[in-house]
């Protein structure tokens, strides 16, 4: 179920990006809101175009899959199953440190009596 939702979520997000980029700009932007434009509040284009309907539908599906994945992740701990962390190899055994050549060796400790 989780895998299916993730696949649908990724596909819908790609479709949403493509459909939004295909739409034509409305032109006026924020300047039309404050410049006394003669258009209606929601634009003068009238009925919603086909790309607008696809955008609305894909946005609704995107929101539903987002909420579903969020709900499932809180119930099961994680939506994506992670691989176990690799175990680090043991550090190599260190060799005893020998005194440098030419340096006098430390005297042997005397046994306690």
C-alpha atoms as a PDB file:
ATOM      1  CA  UNK A   1       0.000   0.000   0.000  1.00  0.00           C
ATOM      2  CA  UNK A   2       2.791   2.417   0.908  1.00  0.00           C
ATOM      3  CA  UNK A   3       4.703   1.679  -2.280  1.00  0.00           C
ATOM      4  CA  UNK A   4       1.584   2.231  -4.378  1.00  0.00           C
ATOM      5  CA  UNK A   5       0.915   5.588  -2.703  1.00  0.00           C
ATOM      6  CA  UNK A   6       4.519   6.695  -3.174  1.00  0.00           C
ATOM      7  CA  UNK A   7       4.440   5.806  -6.888  1.00  0.00           C
ATOM      8  CA  UNK A   8       1.119   7.644  -7.381  1.00  0.00           C
ATOM      9  CA  UNK A   9       2.446  10.637  -5.428  1.00  0.00           C
ATOM     10  CA  UNK A  10       5.575  10.928  -7.580  1.00  0.00           C
ATOM     11  CA  UNK A  11       3.623  10.561 -10.841  1.00  0.00           C
ATOM     12  CA  UNK A  12       1.004  13.126  -9.794  1.00  0.00           C
ATOM     13  CA  UNK A  13       3.682  15.589  -8.709  1.00  0.00           C
ATOM     14  CA  UNK A  14       5.400  15.306 -12.105  1.00  0.00           C
ATOM     15  CA  UNK A  15       2.062  15.762 -13.913  1.00  0.00           C
ATOM     16  CA  UNK A  16       1.269  18.759 -11.720  1.00  0.00           C
ATOM     17  CA  UNK A  17       4.579  20.438 -12.537  1.00  0.00           C
ATOM     18  CA  UNK A  18       4.160  19.824 -16.279  1.00  0.00           C
ATOM     19  CA  UNK A  19       0.552  21.041 -16.390  1.00  0.00           C
ATOM     20  CA  UNK A  20       1.359  24.201 -14.447  1.00  0.00           C
ATOM     21  CA  UNK A  21       4.275  24.996 -16.759  1.00  0.00           C
ATOM     22  CA  UNK A  22       2.074  24.475 -19.856  1.00  0.00           C
ATOM     23  CA  UNK A  23      -0.499  27.043 -18.768  1.00  0.00           C
ATOM     24  CA  UNK A  24      -0.345  30.530 -20.230  1.00  0.00           C
ATOM     25  CA  UNK A  25       0.247  33.440 -17.891  1.00  0.00           C
ATOM     26  CA  UNK A  26      -2.666  35.691 -17.010  1.00  0.00           C
ATOM     27  CA  UNK A  27      -0.626  38.768 -17.830  1.00  0.00           C
ATOM     28  CA  UNK A  28      -1.448  41.357 -15.217  1.00  0.00           C
ATOM     29  CA  UNK A  29      -0.231  39.633 -12.041  1.00  0.00           C
ATOM     30  CA  UNK A  30      -0.267  41.837  -8.931  1.00  0.00           C
ATOM     31  CA  UNK A  31      -0.334  44.979 -11.027  1.00  0.00           C
ATOM     32  CA  UNK A  32      -3.873  44.181 -12.121  1.00  0.00           C
ATOM     33  CA  UNK A  33      -5.043  43.791  -8.542  1.00  0.00           C
ATOM     34  CA  UNK A  34      -4.017  47.329  -7.554  1.00  0.00           C
ATOM     35  CA  UNK A  35      -4.161  49.112 -10.910  1.00  0.00           C
ATOM     36  CA  UNK A  36      -7.937  49.294 -11.315  1.00  0.00           C
ATOM     37  CA  UNK A  37      -8.233  46.547 -13.901  1.00  0.00           C
ATOM     38  CA  UNK A  38     -11.609  46.176 -15.588  1.00  0.00           C
ATOM     39  CA  UNK A  39     -11.578  42.377 -15.338  1.00  0.00           C
ATOM     40  CA  UNK A  40     -13.656  40.460 -12.836  1.00  0.00           C
ATOM     41  CA  UNK A  41     -12.139  39.350  -9.538  1.00  0.00           C
ATOM     42  CA  UNK A  42     -11.341  35.841 -10.790  1.00  0.00           C
ATOM     43  CA  UNK A  43     -10.288  36.855 -14.288  1.00  0.00           C
ATOM     44  CA  UNK A  44     -12.123  37.555 -17.501  1.00  0.00           C
ATOM     45  CA  UNK A  45     -11.588  34.181 -19.136  1.00  0.00           C
ATOM     46  CA  UNK A  46     -14.921  32.780 -18.034  1.00  0.00           C
ATOM     47  CA  UNK A  47     -15.061  29.002 -17.887  1.00  0.00           C
ATOM     48  CA  UNK A  48     -12.032  27.111 -16.653  1.00  0.00           C
ATOM     49  CA  UNK A  49      -9.802  25.689 -19.404  1.00  0.00           C
ATOM     50  CA  UNK A  50      -8.917  22.023 -19.784  1.00  0.00           C
ATOM     51  CA  UNK A  51      -5.445  22.577 -18.304  1.00  0.00           C
ATOM     52  CA  UNK A  52      -7.041  24.347 -15.367  1.00  0.00           C
ATOM     53  CA  UNK A  53      -9.285  21.355 -14.699  1.00  0.00           C
ATOM     54  CA  UNK A  54      -6.329  18.945 -14.930  1.00  0.00           C
ATOM     55  CA  UNK A  55      -4.385  21.184 -12.542  1.00  0.00           C
ATOM     56  CA  UNK A  56      -7.229  21.184 -10.022  1.00  0.00           C
ATOM     57  CA  UNK A  57      -7.690  17.421 -10.213  1.00  0.00           C
ATOM     58  CA  UNK A  58      -3.987  16.645  -9.912  1.00  0.00           C
ATOM     59  CA  UNK A  59      -3.640  19.099  -7.014  1.00  0.00           C
ATOM     60  CA  UNK A  60      -6.492  17.338  -5.212  1.00  0.00           C
ATOM     61  CA  UNK A  61      -4.903  13.912  -5.773  1.00  0.00           C
ATOM     62  CA  UNK A  62      -1.520  15.294  -4.666  1.00  0.00           C
ATOM     63  CA  UNK A  63      -3.055  16.612  -1.449  1.00  0.00           C
ATOM     64  CA  UNK A  64      -4.838  13.305  -0.745  1.00  0.00           C
ATOM     65  CA  UNK A  65      -1.686  11.244  -1.303  1.00  0.00           C
ATOM     66  CA  UNK A  66       0.318  13.653   0.865  1.00  0.00           C
ATOM     67  CA  UNK A  67      -2.160  13.335   3.718  1.00  0.00           C
ATOM     68  CA  UNK A  68      -2.349   9.553   3.311  1.00  0.00           C
ATOM     69  CA  UNK A  69       1.430   9.151   3.358  1.00  0.00           C
ATOM     70  CA  UNK A  70       1.663  11.411   6.388  1.00  0.00           C
ATOM     71  CA  UNK A  71      -1.015   9.431   8.234  1.00  0.00           C
ATOM     72  CA  UNK A  72       0.591   6.088   7.385  1.00  0.00           C
ATOM     73  CA  UNK A  73       4.021   7.295   8.493  1.00  0.00           C
ATOM     74  CA  UNK A  74       2.711   8.248  11.935  1.00  0.00           C
ATOM     75  CA  UNK A  75       1.074   4.864  12.369  1.00  0.00           C
ATOM     76  CA  UNK A  76       3.881   2.609  11.154  1.00  0.00           C
ATOM     77  CA  UNK A  77       6.943   4.715  12.011  1.00  0.00           C
ATOM     78  CA  UNK A  78       8.176   5.254   8.459  1.00  0.00           C
ATOM     79  CA  UNK A  79       6.754   5.088   4.963  1.00  0.00           C
ATOM     80  CA  UNK A  80      10.049   4.220   3.297  1.00  0.00           C
ATOM     81  CA  UNK A  81      11.745   1.096   4.583  1.00  0.00           C
ATOM     82  CA  UNK A  82      15.388   1.815   5.207  1.00  0.00           C
ATOM     83  CA  UNK A  83      18.166  -0.710   4.721  1.00  0.00           C
ATOM     84  CA  UNK A  84      20.014  -1.686   7.888  1.00  0.00           C
ATOM     85  CA  UNK A  85      23.007   0.500   8.638  1.00  0.00           C
ATOM     86  CA  UNK A  86      26.322  -1.072   7.619  1.00  0.00           C
ATOM     87  CA  UNK A  87      28.523  -2.223  10.473  1.00  0.00           C
ATOM     88  CA  UNK A  88      31.923  -0.546  10.623  1.00  0.00           C
ATOM     89  CA  UNK A  89      34.877  -2.948  10.490  1.00  0.00           C
ATOM     90  CA  UNK A  90      36.911  -3.430  13.652  1.00  0.00           C
ATOM     91  CA  UNK A  91      40.000  -1.211  13.854  1.00  0.00           C
ATOM     92  CA  UNK A  92      43.260  -3.046  13.143  1.00  0.00           C
ATOM     93  CA  UNK A  93      45.329  -4.240  16.086  1.00  0.00           C
ATOM     94  CA  UNK A  94      48.093  -1.771  16.863  1.00  0.00           C
ATOM     95  CA  UNK A  95      51.676  -3.013  17.045  1.00  0.00           C
ATOM     96  CA  UNK A  96      53.737  -2.236  20.150  1.00  0.00           C
ATOM     97  CA  UNK A  97      55.613   1.037  19.887  1.00  0.00           C
ATOM     98  CA  UNK A  98      59.397   0.561  19.750  1.00  0.00           C
ATOM     99  CA  UNK A  99      61.840   3.286  20.799  1.00  0.00           C
ATOM    100  CA  UNK A 100      63.430   5.214  17.969  1.00  0.00           C
ATOM    101  CA  UNK A 101      66.944   4.259  16.898  1.00  0.00           C
ATOM    102  CA  UNK A 102      69.644   6.091  18.742  1.00  0.00           C
ATOM    103  CA  UNK A 103      67.396   6.910  21.678  1.00  0.00           C
ATOM    104  CA  UNK A 104      68.316   5.267  24.963  1.00  0.00           C
ATOM    105  CA  UNK A 105      65.931   2.597  26.113  1.00  0.00           C
ATOM    106  CA  UNK A 106      64.130   3.226  29.374  1.00  0.00           C
ATOM    107  CA  UNK A 107      65.598   1.326  32.309  1.00  0.00           C
ATOM    108  CA  UNK A 108      63.708  -1.738  33.395  1.00  0.00           C
ATOM    109  CA  UNK A 109      61.593  -1.204  36.514  1.00  0.00           C
ATOM    110  CA  UNK A 110      62.972  -2.722  39.669  1.00  0.00           C
ATOM    111  CA  UNK A 111      60.783  -5.313  41.317  1.00  0.00           C
ATOM    112  CA  UNK A 112      59.201  -4.232  44.585  1.00  0.00           C
ATOM    113  CA  UNK A 113      60.295  -6.097  47.720  1.00  0.00           C
END
